[in-house]
Amino acid sequence: MFGVRRTFIWRTQKVITETSKPTRKEAISETQRLTKAVAGKILRNPLLHE
């Protein structure tokens, strides 16, 4: 569980870094959509740690 959480945080930070454009709201909504997609994959696949 802890390893999954760490991987999720790392992926989220990477996505935010790649799409960080403070002046563009599209980039923010895109990041949120990707974050939700990653979270959904982890919730549906608890055995997949990395």
Protein backbone atom coordinates (compact mmCIF):
# COMPACT_ATOMS: atom_id res chain seq x y z
CA MET A 1 0.00 0.00 0.00
CA PHE A 2 2.75 2.44 0.95
CA GLY A 3 4.70 1.64 -2.21
CA VAL A 4 1.62 2.25 -4.36
CA ARG A 5 1.02 5.60 -2.67
CA ARG A 6 4.64 6.64 -3.23
CA THR A 7 4.45 5.67 -6.91
CA PHE A 8 1.20 7.62 -7.28
CA ILE A 9 2.73 10.74 -5.73
CA TRP A 10 5.81 10.44 -7.96
CA ARG A 11 3.71 10.08 -11.12
CA THR A 12 1.45 12.96 -10.10
CA GLN A 13 4.41 15.27 -9.50
CA LYS A 14 5.93 14.26 -12.83
CA VAL A 15 2.67 14.98 -14.69
CA ILE A 16 2.28 18.34 -12.95
CA THR A 17 5.88 19.27 -13.77
CA GLU A 18 5.48 18.33 -17.45
CA THR A 19 2.24 20.28 -17.86
CA SER A 20 2.89 23.16 -15.46
CA LYS A 21 1.79 26.32 -17.28
CA PRO A 22 0.24 28.69 -14.72
CA THR A 23 -1.27 30.95 -17.38
CA ARG A 24 -3.19 28.13 -19.09
CA LYS A 25 -6.24 26.64 -17.39
CA GLU A 26 -6.33 23.87 -20.02
CA ALA A 27 -3.04 22.51 -18.69
CA ILE A 28 -4.41 22.43 -15.14
CA SER A 29 -7.59 20.59 -16.14
CA GLU A 30 -5.50 18.18 -18.23
CA THR A 31 -3.32 17.45 -15.18
CA GLN A 32 -6.40 16.82 -13.04
CA ARG A 33 -7.83 14.45 -15.65
CA LEU A 34 -4.55 12.51 -15.87
CA THR A 35 -4.31 12.37 -12.08
CA LYS A 36 -7.81 10.91 -11.85
CA ALA A 37 -6.96 8.38 -14.57
CA VAL A 38 -3.82 7.26 -12.71
CA ALA A 39 -5.73 7.06 -9.42
CA GLY A 40 -8.45 4.98 -11.11
CA LYS A 41 -5.88 2.58 -12.56
CA ILE A 42 -4.25 2.09 -9.14
CA LEU A 43 -7.62 1.55 -7.45
CA ARG A 44 -8.64 -1.01 -10.08
CA ASN A 45 -5.20 -2.69 -10.07
CA PRO A 46 -4.06 -2.96 -6.42
CA LEU A 47 -1.56 -5.71 -7.28
CA LEU A 48 0.31 -3.46 -9.71
CA HIS A 49 2.82 -1.67 -7.50
CA GLU A 50 5.01 0.03 -10.11
